[in-house]
């Protein structure tokens, strides 16, 4: 199944992420795999875990703080497994897991097998490094940055909603075509939990039905089709749960067909929340976001035209410190642009 890296435009993320009263350099940019001779181009970062210094050091790569893979297992107790057949490391054992794959073109990273933003790892002298940002966004790490000493103190803060999340698999083979679906479910018997689970299951059932019907129509002389749908929990705090569901269907041609749905739930009621529910206190938020999206799209090299303003209910998902506006492939940009994304941090002027 063919995939490509989605691009993210950090609109308000100019200098870094504000946490713990300081700024951690986290500019999201592409990073090629360096040679040993290029190592001197990286500044080193002192690393601490809960205030205790580590012997291992991180790197600064084009404004990004990079953490050695070894530190994740030895100092942060992350589960890490390795598949030699695919040259892939799996990091974490929770509902969100990272996959770091090494290859001749350099290392790449996915979250639950989905590309989301530019979280490119590094290979420096055969040592693998992952961006602090991806650990903060999806694996629950938090940190405080001391710019004077170039030190990052990492803590594992448990600030998520108190509930149990599980993943369930739905797999089938239809007309020599494989369908693989992973869906999220919440444990509990409350009315809100039931409503959320029904909505999530409906997404999976809809994808399964559409994939099955398409597979049944596959001509016998055409290569097998492939269908995959997975999810990422992008936000799980303050009584809200954001689940990003993404499907990838390959039915021939140069590339697959991708689709994405963001589901933001109120955990007290089980109802889905809109952007107005999140930012409604700011009466100018739509105009501000419209300007952000317009500037980002029109400045894109793959812009195809046609953007006249945001819909009444624009597509978005939440992250720990901001929100991401996104558009579908081909909606306004060429396929190579993936899902155009525009990141807005919470607390910036006029977008609160």
C-alpha atoms as a PDB file:
ATOM      1  CA  UNK A   1       0.000   0.000   0.000  1.00  0.00           C
ATOM      2  CA  UNK A   2       1.599   3.229  -1.109  1.00  0.00           C
ATOM      3  CA  UNK A   3       1.884   6.089   1.305  1.00  0.00           C
ATOM      4  CA  UNK A   4       3.602   9.424   1.461  1.00  0.00           C
ATOM      5  CA  UNK A   5       4.484  11.907   4.127  1.00  0.00           C
ATOM      6  CA  UNK A   6       1.923  14.600   4.785  1.00  0.00           C
ATOM      7  CA  UNK A   7       3.237  18.139   5.108  1.00  0.00           C
ATOM      8  CA  UNK A   8       2.552  20.394   8.080  1.00  0.00           C
ATOM      9  CA  UNK A   9       2.864  24.167   8.066  1.00  0.00           C
ATOM     10  CA  UNK A  10       3.684  25.560  11.538  1.00  0.00           C
ATOM     11  CA  UNK A  11       1.947  28.919  11.058  1.00  0.00           C
ATOM     12  CA  UNK A  12       2.225  30.320  14.584  1.00  0.00           C
ATOM     13  CA  UNK A  13       5.030  27.976  15.658  1.00  0.00           C
ATOM     14  CA  UNK A  14       7.850  30.354  14.863  1.00  0.00           C
ATOM     15  CA  UNK A  15      10.407  29.838  17.632  1.00  0.00           C
ATOM     16  CA  UNK A  16       9.266  26.711  19.400  1.00  0.00           C
ATOM     17  CA  UNK A  17       6.871  25.174  21.870  1.00  0.00           C
ATOM     18  CA  UNK A  18       6.292  26.919  25.183  1.00  0.00           C
ATOM     19  CA  UNK A  19       6.309  24.422  28.053  1.00  0.00           C
ATOM     20  CA  UNK A  20       7.334  24.842  31.642  1.00  0.00           C
ATOM     21  CA  UNK A  21       7.948  28.547  31.121  1.00  0.00           C
ATOM     22  CA  UNK A  22      10.656  28.023  28.503  1.00  0.00           C
ATOM     23  CA  UNK A  23      10.883  27.301  24.798  1.00  0.00           C
ATOM     24  CA  UNK A  24      11.897  23.962  23.332  1.00  0.00           C
ATOM     25  CA  UNK A  25      13.162  24.205  19.734  1.00  0.00           C
ATOM     26  CA  UNK A  26      10.707  22.135  17.746  1.00  0.00           C
ATOM     27  CA  UNK A  27      10.563  23.666  14.262  1.00  0.00           C
ATOM     28  CA  UNK A  28       9.153  20.947  12.012  1.00  0.00           C
ATOM     29  CA  UNK A  29      11.400  20.645   8.983  1.00  0.00           C
ATOM     30  CA  UNK A  30      12.696  17.857   6.784  1.00  0.00           C
ATOM     31  CA  UNK A  31      16.050  16.378   7.824  1.00  0.00           C
ATOM     32  CA  UNK A  32      18.215  14.244   5.561  1.00  0.00           C
ATOM     33  CA  UNK A  33      20.338  11.451   6.978  1.00  0.00           C
ATOM     34  CA  UNK A  34      23.786  12.933   7.726  1.00  0.00           C
ATOM     35  CA  UNK A  35      27.161  11.351   7.171  1.00  0.00           C
ATOM     36  CA  UNK A  36      29.717  11.009   9.931  1.00  0.00           C
ATOM     37  CA  UNK A  37      31.529  14.038   8.553  1.00  0.00           C
ATOM     38  CA  UNK A  38      28.396  16.129   9.058  1.00  0.00           C
ATOM     39  CA  UNK A  39      28.053  15.377  12.765  1.00  0.00           C
ATOM     40  CA  UNK A  40      29.803  18.602  13.721  1.00  0.00           C
ATOM     41  CA  UNK A  41      26.871  20.492  12.179  1.00  0.00           C
ATOM     42  CA  UNK A  42      24.688  19.486  15.133  1.00  0.00           C
ATOM     43  CA  UNK A  43      24.706  21.157  18.523  1.00  0.00           C
ATOM     44  CA  UNK A  44      24.412  18.756  21.429  1.00  0.00           C
ATOM     45  CA  UNK A  45      21.630  18.861  24.015  1.00  0.00           C
ATOM     46  CA  UNK A  46      22.008  17.847  27.637  1.00  0.00           C
ATOM     47  CA  UNK A  47      19.240  15.465  28.640  1.00  0.00           C
ATOM     48  CA  UNK A  48      17.611  14.962  32.010  1.00  0.00           C
ATOM     49  CA  UNK A  49      14.766  12.692  33.091  1.00  0.00           C
ATOM     50  CA  UNK A  50      12.838  14.018  36.082  1.00  0.00           C
ATOM     51  CA  UNK A  51      15.807  16.238  36.882  1.00  0.00           C
ATOM     52  CA  UNK A  52      18.458  13.509  36.752  1.00  0.00           C
ATOM     53  CA  UNK A  53      21.175  13.932  34.120  1.00  0.00           C
ATOM     54  CA  UNK A  54      21.708  11.265  31.461  1.00  0.00           C
ATOM     55  CA  UNK A  55      25.060  10.297  30.011  1.00  0.00           C
ATOM     56  CA  UNK A  56      23.477  10.224  26.562  1.00  0.00           C
ATOM     57  CA  UNK A  57      23.079  13.516  24.721  1.00  0.00           C
ATOM     58  CA  UNK A  58      20.507  14.755  22.268  1.00  0.00           C
ATOM     59  CA  UNK A  59      21.044  16.821  19.142  1.00  0.00           C
ATOM     60  CA  UNK A  60      19.639  20.034  17.686  1.00  0.00           C
ATOM     61  CA  UNK A  61      18.786  19.562  14.028  1.00  0.00           C
ATOM     62  CA  UNK A  62      17.465  22.635  12.214  1.00  0.00           C
ATOM     63  CA  UNK A  63      15.719  23.778  15.377  1.00  0.00           C
ATOM     64  CA  UNK A  64      14.405  20.339  16.338  1.00  0.00           C
ATOM     65  CA  UNK A  65      15.422  18.604  19.534  1.00  0.00           C
ATOM     66  CA  UNK A  66      16.329  14.998  18.739  1.00  0.00           C
ATOM     67  CA  UNK A  67      16.378  12.249  21.373  1.00  0.00           C
ATOM     68  CA  UNK A  68      18.547   9.107  21.001  1.00  0.00           C
ATOM     69  CA  UNK A  69      16.479   5.978  20.494  1.00  0.00           C
ATOM     70  CA  UNK A  70      18.519   4.205  23.171  1.00  0.00           C
ATOM     71  CA  UNK A  71      17.441   6.773  25.747  1.00  0.00           C
ATOM     72  CA  UNK A  72      13.794   5.853  25.204  1.00  0.00           C
ATOM     73  CA  UNK A  73      14.337   2.290  26.394  1.00  0.00           C
ATOM     74  CA  UNK A  74      17.115   2.764  28.939  1.00  0.00           C
ATOM     75  CA  UNK A  75      16.075   6.010  30.636  1.00  0.00           C
ATOM     76  CA  UNK A  76      12.366   6.373  29.841  1.00  0.00           C
ATOM     77  CA  UNK A  77      11.337   2.694  29.999  1.00  0.00           C
ATOM     78  CA  UNK A  78       9.633   2.680  26.615  1.00  0.00           C
ATOM     79  CA  UNK A  79       8.983  -0.712  25.093  1.00  0.00           C
ATOM     80  CA  UNK A  80      10.982  -1.036  21.850  1.00  0.00           C
ATOM     81  CA  UNK A  81      10.835  -4.037  19.533  1.00  0.00           C
ATOM     82  CA  UNK A  82      12.592  -4.652  16.207  1.00  0.00           C
ATOM     83  CA  UNK A  83      11.391  -6.460  13.078  1.00  0.00           C
ATOM     84  CA  UNK A  84      14.441  -7.499  11.053  1.00  0.00           C
ATOM     85  CA  UNK A  85      12.361  -8.378   7.974  1.00  0.00           C
ATOM     86  CA  UNK A  86      11.057  -4.820   7.608  1.00  0.00           C
ATOM     87  CA  UNK A  87      13.939  -3.043   9.432  1.00  0.00           C
ATOM     88  CA  UNK A  88      11.347  -1.411  11.676  1.00  0.00           C
ATOM     89  CA  UNK A  89      11.470  -0.432  15.332  1.00  0.00           C
ATOM     90  CA  UNK A  90       8.142  -0.191  17.188  1.00  0.00           C
ATOM     91  CA  UNK A  91       8.236   2.308  20.055  1.00  0.00           C
ATOM     92  CA  UNK A  92       5.686   2.240  22.873  1.00  0.00           C
ATOM     93  CA  UNK A  93       3.036  -0.213  23.968  1.00  0.00           C
ATOM     94  CA  UNK A  94       0.022   2.059  24.418  1.00  0.00           C
ATOM     95  CA  UNK A  95      -2.808   3.053  22.120  1.00  0.00           C
ATOM     96  CA  UNK A  96      -0.391   5.221  20.102  1.00  0.00           C
ATOM     97  CA  UNK A  97       2.792   3.557  18.862  1.00  0.00           C
ATOM     98  CA  UNK A  98       5.609   4.835  16.667  1.00  0.00           C
ATOM     99  CA  UNK A  99       7.169   2.883  13.823  1.00  0.00           C
ATOM    100  CA  UNK A 100      10.731   3.864  12.860  1.00  0.00           C
ATOM    101  CA  UNK A 101      11.890   2.234   9.637  1.00  0.00           C
ATOM    102  CA  UNK A 102      15.449   2.372   8.337  1.00  0.00           C
ATOM    103  CA  UNK A 103      16.279   2.067   4.654  1.00  0.00           C
ATOM    104  CA  UNK A 104      18.568   3.142   1.844  1.00  0.00           C
ATOM    105  CA  UNK A 105      16.843   6.536   1.646  1.00  0.00           C
ATOM    106  CA  UNK A 106      17.208   7.190   5.365  1.00  0.00           C
ATOM    107  CA  UNK A 107      14.911   6.563   8.320  1.00  0.00           C
ATOM    108  CA  UNK A 108      11.201   7.379   8.318  1.00  0.00           C
ATOM    109  CA  UNK A 109       8.533   7.423  10.997  1.00  0.00           C
ATOM    110  CA  UNK A 110       4.814   6.743  11.269  1.00  0.00           C
ATOM    111  CA  UNK A 111       2.315   6.857  14.113  1.00  0.00           C
ATOM    112  CA  UNK A 112       0.122   3.735  14.131  1.00  0.00           C
ATOM    113  CA  UNK A 113       1.362   3.141  10.567  1.00  0.00           C
ATOM    114  CA  UNK A 114       0.018   6.531   9.452  1.00  0.00           C
ATOM    115  CA  UNK A 115       2.093   9.487   8.310  1.00  0.00           C
ATOM    116  CA  UNK A 116       1.132  12.577  10.259  1.00  0.00           C
ATOM    117  CA  UNK A 117       3.289  15.690   9.999  1.00  0.00           C
ATOM    118  CA  UNK A 118       7.011  15.943   9.456  1.00  0.00           C
ATOM    119  CA  UNK A 119       8.407  13.895  12.318  1.00  0.00           C
ATOM    120  CA  UNK A 120      11.495  12.684  10.474  1.00  0.00           C
ATOM    121  CA  UNK A 121      14.065  10.810  12.578  1.00  0.00           C
ATOM    122  CA  UNK A 122      17.836  11.046  12.126  1.00  0.00           C
ATOM    123  CA  UNK A 123      20.607   8.506  11.614  1.00  0.00           C
ATOM    124  CA  UNK A 124      23.898   9.989  12.801  1.00  0.00           C
ATOM    125  CA  UNK A 125      26.893   7.648  12.742  1.00  0.00           C
ATOM    126  CA  UNK A 126      24.525   4.644  12.898  1.00  0.00           C
ATOM    127  CA  UNK A 127      22.772   6.122  15.938  1.00  0.00           C
ATOM    128  CA  UNK A 128      19.052   6.719  15.591  1.00  0.00           C
ATOM    129  CA  UNK A 129      17.385   9.838  16.975  1.00  0.00           C
ATOM    130  CA  UNK A 130      13.672  10.677  17.138  1.00  0.00           C
ATOM    131  CA  UNK A 131      12.147  14.173  17.416  1.00  0.00           C
ATOM    132  CA  UNK A 132      11.166  15.184  20.928  1.00  0.00           C
ATOM    133  CA  UNK A 133       8.055  16.677  19.339  1.00  0.00           C
ATOM    134  CA  UNK A 134       6.579  13.332  18.305  1.00  0.00           C
ATOM    135  CA  UNK A 135       7.155  11.953  21.818  1.00  0.00           C
ATOM    136  CA  UNK A 136       5.417  14.979  23.301  1.00  0.00           C
ATOM    137  CA  UNK A 137       2.521  14.950  20.843  1.00  0.00           C
ATOM    138  CA  UNK A 138       1.680  11.253  20.958  1.00  0.00           C
ATOM    139  CA  UNK A 139       3.501   9.365  23.726  1.00  0.00           C
ATOM    140  CA  UNK A 140       2.784  11.590  26.711  1.00  0.00           C
ATOM    141  CA  UNK A 141       6.206  13.113  27.387  1.00  0.00           C
ATOM    142  CA  UNK A 142       6.572  16.679  28.591  1.00  0.00           C
ATOM    143  CA  UNK A 143       9.693  18.754  28.998  1.00  0.00           C
ATOM    144  CA  UNK A 144      11.257  22.008  30.183  1.00  0.00           C
ATOM    145  CA  UNK A 145      13.979  23.667  28.139  1.00  0.00           C
ATOM    146  CA  UNK A 146      16.880  25.609  29.660  1.00  0.00           C
ATOM    147  CA  UNK A 147      18.255  27.713  26.836  1.00  0.00           C
ATOM    148  CA  UNK A 148      21.299  28.874  28.789  1.00  0.00           C
ATOM    149  CA  UNK A 149      22.623  25.359  29.389  1.00  0.00           C
ATOM    150  CA  UNK A 150      20.947  23.733  26.344  1.00  0.00           C
ATOM    151  CA  UNK A 151      19.289  21.208  28.638  1.00  0.00           C
ATOM    152  CA  UNK A 152      15.990  19.399  28.132  1.00  0.00           C
ATOM    153  CA  UNK A 153      14.403  17.952  31.268  1.00  0.00           C
ATOM    154  CA  UNK A 154      11.890  15.273  30.277  1.00  0.00           C
ATOM    155  CA  UNK A 155       9.066  14.134  32.515  1.00  0.00           C
ATOM    156  CA  UNK A 156       6.351  11.563  31.954  1.00  0.00           C
ATOM    157  CA  UNK A 157       3.343  13.523  33.107  1.00  0.00           C
ATOM    158  CA  UNK A 158       0.048  11.682  33.352  1.00  0.00           C
ATOM    159  CA  UNK A 159      -2.394  14.405  32.373  1.00  0.00           C
ATOM    160  CA  UNK A 160      -4.741  12.333  30.246  1.00  0.00           C
ATOM    161  CA  UNK A 161      -8.382  11.614  30.984  1.00  0.00           C
ATOM    162  CA  UNK A 162      -8.914   8.719  33.364  1.00  0.00           C
ATOM    163  CA  UNK A 163     -10.299   5.950  31.184  1.00  0.00           C
ATOM    164  CA  UNK A 164      -9.183   2.783  29.435  1.00  0.00           C
ATOM    165  CA  UNK A 165      -8.777   2.744  25.658  1.00  0.00           C
ATOM    166  CA  UNK A 166      -8.501  -0.450  23.627  1.00  0.00           C
ATOM    167  CA  UNK A 167      -7.897  -1.202  19.960  1.00  0.00           C
ATOM    168  CA  UNK A 168      -9.943  -3.795  18.091  1.00  0.00           C
ATOM    169  CA  UNK A 169      -9.056  -5.359  14.739  1.00  0.00           C
ATOM    170  CA  UNK A 170     -11.435  -6.063  11.860  1.00  0.00           C
ATOM    171  CA  UNK A 171      -9.753  -8.014   9.045  1.00  0.00           C
ATOM    172  CA  UNK A 172     -11.150  -9.731   5.975  1.00  0.00           C
ATOM    173  CA  UNK A 173     -10.069 -11.116   2.600  1.00  0.00           C
ATOM    174  CA  UNK A 174     -12.469 -10.500  -0.273  1.00  0.00           C
ATOM    175  CA  UNK A 175     -11.800 -11.552  -3.872  1.00  0.00           C
ATOM    176  CA  UNK A 176      -8.043 -11.860  -3.163  1.00  0.00           C
ATOM    177  CA  UNK A 177      -8.018  -8.351  -1.673  1.00  0.00           C
ATOM    178  CA  UNK A 178      -7.025  -7.672   1.919  1.00  0.00           C
ATOM    179  CA  UNK A 179      -8.971  -5.404   4.276  1.00  0.00           C
ATOM    180  CA  UNK A 180      -7.357  -4.416   7.582  1.00  0.00           C
ATOM    181  CA  UNK A 181      -9.113  -2.107  10.046  1.00  0.00           C
ATOM    182  CA  UNK A 182      -8.107  -1.068  13.558  1.00  0.00           C
ATOM    183  CA  UNK A 183     -10.706   0.825  15.544  1.00  0.00           C
ATOM    184  CA  UNK A 184     -10.728   2.427  19.000  1.00  0.00           C
ATOM    185  CA  UNK A 185     -13.124   1.476  21.780  1.00  0.00           C
ATOM    186  CA  UNK A 186     -13.590   2.891  25.292  1.00  0.00           C
ATOM    187  CA  UNK A 187     -14.153   0.652  28.275  1.00  0.00           C
ATOM    188  CA  UNK A 188     -17.157   1.495  30.442  1.00  0.00           C
ATOM    189  CA  UNK A 189     -20.930   1.274  30.496  1.00  0.00           C
ATOM    190  CA  UNK A 190     -21.994   4.917  30.683  1.00  0.00           C
ATOM    191  CA  UNK A 191     -24.337   6.406  28.111  1.00  0.00           C
ATOM    192  CA  UNK A 192     -21.572   8.747  26.889  1.00  0.00           C
ATOM    193  CA  UNK A 193     -19.167   5.831  26.402  1.00  0.00           C
ATOM    194  CA  UNK A 194     -21.803   3.872  24.498  1.00  0.00           C
ATOM    195  CA  UNK A 195     -22.434   6.783  22.146  1.00  0.00           C
ATOM    196  CA  UNK A 196     -18.737   7.288  21.472  1.00  0.00           C
ATOM    197  CA  UNK A 197     -18.153   3.596  20.805  1.00  0.00           C
ATOM    198  CA  UNK A 198     -21.114   3.463  18.435  1.00  0.00           C
ATOM    199  CA  UNK A 199     -19.735   6.411  16.464  1.00  0.00           C
ATOM    200  CA  UNK A 200     -16.262   4.866  16.237  1.00  0.00           C
ATOM    201  CA  UNK A 201     -17.657   1.467  15.264  1.00  0.00           C
ATOM    202  CA  UNK A 202     -19.835   3.077  12.597  1.00  0.00           C
ATOM    203  CA  UNK A 203     -16.696   4.553  11.007  1.00  0.00           C
ATOM    204  CA  UNK A 204     -15.103   1.121  10.866  1.00  0.00           C
ATOM    205  CA  UNK A 205     -18.246  -0.565   9.545  1.00  0.00           C
ATOM    206  CA  UNK A 206     -18.638   2.059   6.822  1.00  0.00           C
ATOM    207  CA  UNK A 207     -15.063   1.538   5.633  1.00  0.00           C
ATOM    208  CA  UNK A 208     -15.463  -2.240   5.731  1.00  0.00           C
ATOM    209  CA  UNK A 209     -18.663  -2.134   3.669  1.00  0.00           C
ATOM    210  CA  UNK A 210     -17.232   0.226   1.052  1.00  0.00           C
ATOM    211  CA  UNK A 211     -13.994  -1.785   0.813  1.00  0.00           C
ATOM    212  CA  UNK A 212     -15.866  -5.068   0.496  1.00  0.00           C
ATOM    213  CA  UNK A 213     -18.081  -3.767  -2.301  1.00  0.00           C
ATOM    214  CA  UNK A 214     -15.084  -2.371  -4.180  1.00  0.00           C
ATOM    215  CA  UNK A 215     -13.100  -5.600  -3.759  1.00  0.00           C
ATOM    216  CA  UNK A 216     -15.993  -7.693  -5.064  1.00  0.00           C
ATOM    217  CA  UNK A 217     -15.960  -5.640  -8.288  1.00  0.00           C
ATOM    218  CA  UNK A 218     -12.232  -6.191  -8.925  1.00  0.00           C
ATOM    219  CA  UNK A 219     -11.672  -7.799 -12.362  1.00  0.00           C
ATOM    220  CA  UNK A 220      -9.821 -11.103 -12.241  1.00  0.00           C
ATOM    221  CA  UNK A 221      -6.946  -9.857 -14.409  1.00  0.00           C
ATOM    222  CA  UNK A 222      -6.197  -6.848 -12.127  1.00  0.00           C
ATOM    223  CA  UNK A 223      -3.738  -7.066  -9.225  1.00  0.00           C
ATOM    224  CA  UNK A 224      -5.206  -7.465  -5.770  1.00  0.00           C
ATOM    225  CA  UNK A 225      -6.611  -4.405  -4.023  1.00  0.00           C
ATOM    226  CA  UNK A 226      -5.550  -3.313  -0.546  1.00  0.00           C
ATOM    227  CA  UNK A 227      -7.579  -1.467   2.099  1.00  0.00           C
ATOM    228  CA  UNK A 228      -6.323  -0.213   5.445  1.00  0.00           C
ATOM    229  CA  UNK A 229      -7.888   2.005   8.099  1.00  0.00           C
ATOM    230  CA  UNK A 230      -6.254   2.972  11.391  1.00  0.00           C
ATOM    231  CA  UNK A 231      -6.498   5.742  13.972  1.00  0.00           C
ATOM    232  CA  UNK A 232      -4.392   8.049  16.133  1.00  0.00           C
ATOM    233  CA  UNK A 233      -5.476   9.567  19.436  1.00  0.00           C
ATOM    234  CA  UNK A 234      -4.306  13.152  18.970  1.00  0.00           C
ATOM    235  CA  UNK A 235      -5.830  14.644  22.133  1.00  0.00           C
ATOM    236  CA  UNK A 236      -7.005  13.118  25.410  1.00  0.00           C
ATOM    237  CA  UNK A 237      -7.260  15.837  28.061  1.00  0.00           C
ATOM    238  CA  UNK A 238      -9.704  18.169  29.816  1.00  0.00           C
ATOM    239  CA  UNK A 239     -12.715  15.939  29.237  1.00  0.00           C
ATOM    240  CA  UNK A 240     -12.214  15.739  25.462  1.00  0.00           C
ATOM    241  CA  UNK A 241     -11.009  12.906  23.237  1.00  0.00           C
ATOM    242  CA  UNK A 242      -9.883  13.479  19.628  1.00  0.00           C
ATOM    243  CA  UNK A 243      -9.553  10.432  17.381  1.00  0.00           C
ATOM    244  CA  UNK A 244      -8.152  10.878  13.877  1.00  0.00           C
ATOM    245  CA  UNK A 245      -9.313   8.055  11.590  1.00  0.00           C
ATOM    246  CA  UNK A 246      -7.513   7.600   8.282  1.00  0.00           C
ATOM    247  CA  UNK A 247      -8.181   5.165   5.466  1.00  0.00           C
ATOM    248  CA  UNK A 248      -5.931   4.141   2.587  1.00  0.00           C
ATOM    249  CA  UNK A 249      -7.311   2.237  -0.399  1.00  0.00           C
ATOM    250  CA  UNK A 250      -5.231   0.959  -3.307  1.00  0.00           C
ATOM    251  CA  UNK A 251      -7.343  -0.064  -6.311  1.00  0.00           C
ATOM    252  CA  UNK A 252      -4.761   0.295  -9.053  1.00  0.00           C
ATOM    253  CA  UNK A 253      -3.066   3.269 -10.623  1.00  0.00           C
ATOM    254  CA  UNK A 254      -0.067   5.278  -9.522  1.00  0.00           C
ATOM    255  CA  UNK A 255      -1.072   5.656  -5.889  1.00  0.00           C
ATOM    256  CA  UNK A 256      -3.709   4.906  -3.300  1.00  0.00           C
ATOM    257  CA  UNK A 257      -6.755   6.902  -2.281  1.00  0.00           C
ATOM    258  CA  UNK A 258      -6.640   8.406   1.193  1.00  0.00           C
ATOM    259  CA  UNK A 259      -9.404   9.750   3.399  1.00  0.00           C
ATOM    260  CA  UNK A 260      -9.433  11.224   6.885  1.00  0.00           C
ATOM    261  CA  UNK A 261     -12.058  11.925   9.545  1.00  0.00           C
ATOM    262  CA  UNK A 262     -11.451  13.743  12.827  1.00  0.00           C
ATOM    263  CA  UNK A 263     -13.815  12.868  15.687  1.00  0.00           C
ATOM    264  CA  UNK A 264     -13.690  15.141  18.739  1.00  0.00           C
ATOM    265  CA  UNK A 265     -15.837  13.918  21.637  1.00  0.00           C
ATOM    266  CA  UNK A 266     -17.121  15.422  24.846  1.00  0.00           C
ATOM    267  CA  UNK A 267     -16.505  12.592  27.313  1.00  0.00           C
ATOM    268  CA  UNK A 268     -19.300  13.726  29.618  1.00  0.00           C
ATOM    269  CA  UNK A 269     -22.033  13.560  26.989  1.00  0.00           C
ATOM    270  CA  UNK A 270     -20.565  11.488  24.159  1.00  0.00           C
ATOM    271  CA  UNK A 271     -21.463  14.251  21.717  1.00  0.00           C
ATOM    272  CA  UNK A 272     -19.140  15.357  18.935  1.00  0.00           C
ATOM    273  CA  UNK A 273     -17.668  18.830  19.252  1.00  0.00           C
ATOM    274  CA  UNK A 274     -17.109  21.361  16.500  1.00  0.00           C
ATOM    275  CA  UNK A 275     -14.458  24.003  16.015  1.00  0.00           C
ATOM    276  CA  UNK A 276     -16.907  26.565  17.340  1.00  0.00           C
ATOM    277  CA  UNK A 277     -17.183  24.564  20.559  1.00  0.00           C
ATOM    278  CA  UNK A 278     -13.405  24.763  20.949  1.00  0.00           C
ATOM    279  CA  UNK A 279     -12.775  28.360  19.891  1.00  0.00           C
ATOM    280  CA  UNK A 280     -16.205  29.953  20.126  1.00  0.00           C
ATOM    281  CA  UNK A 281     -15.124  32.421  22.816  1.00  0.00           C
ATOM    282  CA  UNK A 282     -13.161  34.279  20.144  1.00  0.00           C
ATOM    283  CA  UNK A 283     -15.648  35.934  17.802  1.00  0.00           C
ATOM    284  CA  UNK A 284     -12.961  36.491  15.154  1.00  0.00           C
ATOM    285  CA  UNK A 285     -11.561  32.971  15.083  1.00  0.00           C
ATOM    286  CA  UNK A 286     -13.018  31.998  11.693  1.00  0.00           C
ATOM    287  CA  UNK A 287     -11.591  35.075   9.996  1.00  0.00           C
ATOM    288  CA  UNK A 288      -8.190  34.439  11.572  1.00  0.00           C
ATOM    289  CA  UNK A 289      -8.138  30.787  10.555  1.00  0.00           C
ATOM    290  CA  UNK A 290      -9.377  31.641   7.090  1.00  0.00           C
ATOM    291  CA  UNK A 291      -6.417  33.976   6.620  1.00  0.00           C
ATOM    292  CA  UNK A 292      -4.017  31.299   7.864  1.00  0.00           C
ATOM    293  CA  UNK A 293      -5.389  28.659   5.502  1.00  0.00           C
ATOM    294  CA  UNK A 294      -5.505  31.043   2.537  1.00  0.00           C
ATOM    295  CA  UNK A 295      -1.896  32.139   2.997  1.00  0.00           C
ATOM    296  CA  UNK A 296      -0.669  28.584   3.521  1.00  0.00           C
ATOM    297  CA  UNK A 297      -2.471  27.133   0.515  1.00  0.00           C
ATOM    298  CA  UNK A 298      -1.650  29.868  -1.959  1.00  0.00           C
ATOM    299  CA  UNK A 299       2.026  29.849  -0.966  1.00  0.00           C
ATOM    300  CA  UNK A 300       2.197  26.091  -1.482  1.00  0.00           C
ATOM    301  CA  UNK A 301       4.058  24.924  -4.559  1.00  0.00           C
ATOM    302  CA  UNK A 302       1.309  22.409  -5.248  1.00  0.00           C
ATOM    303  CA  UNK A 303      -1.642  24.826  -4.998  1.00  0.00           C
ATOM    304  CA  UNK A 304      -4.248  24.135  -7.708  1.00  0.00           C
ATOM    305  CA  UNK A 305      -6.496  27.120  -6.966  1.00  0.00           C
ATOM    306  CA  UNK A 306     -10.128  27.320  -5.997  1.00  0.00           C
ATOM    307  CA  UNK A 307      -9.920  28.237  -2.297  1.00  0.00           C
ATOM    308  CA  UNK A 308     -12.631  30.781  -1.490  1.00  0.00           C
ATOM    309  CA  UNK A 309     -12.672  30.428   2.276  1.00  0.00           C
ATOM    310  CA  UNK A 310     -13.180  27.855   5.001  1.00  0.00           C
ATOM    311  CA  UNK A 311     -16.366  25.834   5.210  1.00  0.00           C
ATOM    312  CA  UNK A 312     -18.757  26.471   8.078  1.00  0.00           C
ATOM    313  CA  UNK A 313     -17.307  23.376   9.767  1.00  0.00           C
ATOM    314  CA  UNK A 314     -13.662  23.108   8.667  1.00  0.00           C
ATOM    315  CA  UNK A 315     -11.724  19.898   9.192  1.00  0.00           C
ATOM    316  CA  UNK A 316      -9.353  19.974  12.158  1.00  0.00           C
ATOM    317  CA  UNK A 317      -7.892  17.961  14.988  1.00  0.00           C
ATOM    318  CA  UNK A 318      -6.496  18.918  18.378  1.00  0.00           C
ATOM    319  CA  UNK A 319      -3.035  18.286  19.751  1.00  0.00           C
ATOM    320  CA  UNK A 320      -1.781  18.910  23.271  1.00  0.00           C
ATOM    321  CA  UNK A 321      -0.853  22.533  22.634  1.00  0.00           C
ATOM    322  CA  UNK A 322      -2.791  23.557  19.545  1.00  0.00           C
ATOM    323  CA  UNK A 323      -5.002  22.593  16.646  1.00  0.00           C
ATOM    324  CA  UNK A 324      -4.337  21.549  13.068  1.00  0.00           C
ATOM    325  CA  UNK A 325      -6.502  22.604  10.137  1.00  0.00           C
ATOM    326  CA  UNK A 326      -6.321  20.165   7.235  1.00  0.00           C
ATOM    327  CA  UNK A 327      -7.680  19.606   3.742  1.00  0.00           C
ATOM    328  CA  UNK A 328      -8.100  16.480   1.638  1.00  0.00           C
ATOM    329  CA  UNK A 329      -5.650  15.502  -1.119  1.00  0.00           C
ATOM    330  CA  UNK A 330      -6.621  17.121  -4.434  1.00  0.00           C
ATOM    331  CA  UNK A 331      -9.059  19.455  -2.661  1.00  0.00           C
ATOM    332  CA  UNK A 332      -6.831  22.459  -3.314  1.00  0.00           C
ATOM    333  CA  UNK A 333      -3.380  20.988  -3.879  1.00  0.00           C
ATOM    334  CA  UNK A 334      -1.628  18.319  -5.926  1.00  0.00           C
ATOM    335  CA  UNK A 335      -1.542  14.760  -4.589  1.00  0.00           C
ATOM    336  CA  UNK A 336       2.139  15.031  -3.653  1.00  0.00           C
ATOM    337  CA  UNK A 337       1.168  17.586  -0.984  1.00  0.00           C
ATOM    338  CA  UNK A 338      -0.804  14.915   0.892  1.00  0.00           C
ATOM    339  CA  UNK A 339      -3.184  16.380   3.476  1.00  0.00           C
ATOM    340  CA  UNK A 340      -2.206  20.085   3.634  1.00  0.00           C
ATOM    341  CA  UNK A 341      -2.037  20.947   7.332  1.00  0.00           C
ATOM    342  CA  UNK A 342      -1.789  24.273   9.147  1.00  0.00           C
ATOM    343  CA  UNK A 343      -0.816  24.222  12.797  1.00  0.00           C
ATOM    344  CA  UNK A 344      -2.044  26.889  15.216  1.00  0.00           C
ATOM    345  CA  UNK A 345      -0.869  26.901  18.827  1.00  0.00           C
ATOM    346  CA  UNK A 346      -3.247  27.680  21.684  1.00  0.00           C
ATOM    347  CA  UNK A 347      -2.772  31.026  23.392  1.00  0.00           C
ATOM    348  CA  UNK A 348      -1.600  33.011  20.381  1.00  0.00           C
ATOM    349  CA  UNK A 349      -3.190  36.459  19.861  1.00  0.00           C
ATOM    350  CA  UNK A 350      -6.660  36.331  18.330  1.00  0.00           C
ATOM    351  CA  UNK A 351      -6.750  32.510  18.266  1.00  0.00           C
ATOM    352  CA  UNK A 352      -7.433  31.325  21.818  1.00  0.00           C
END
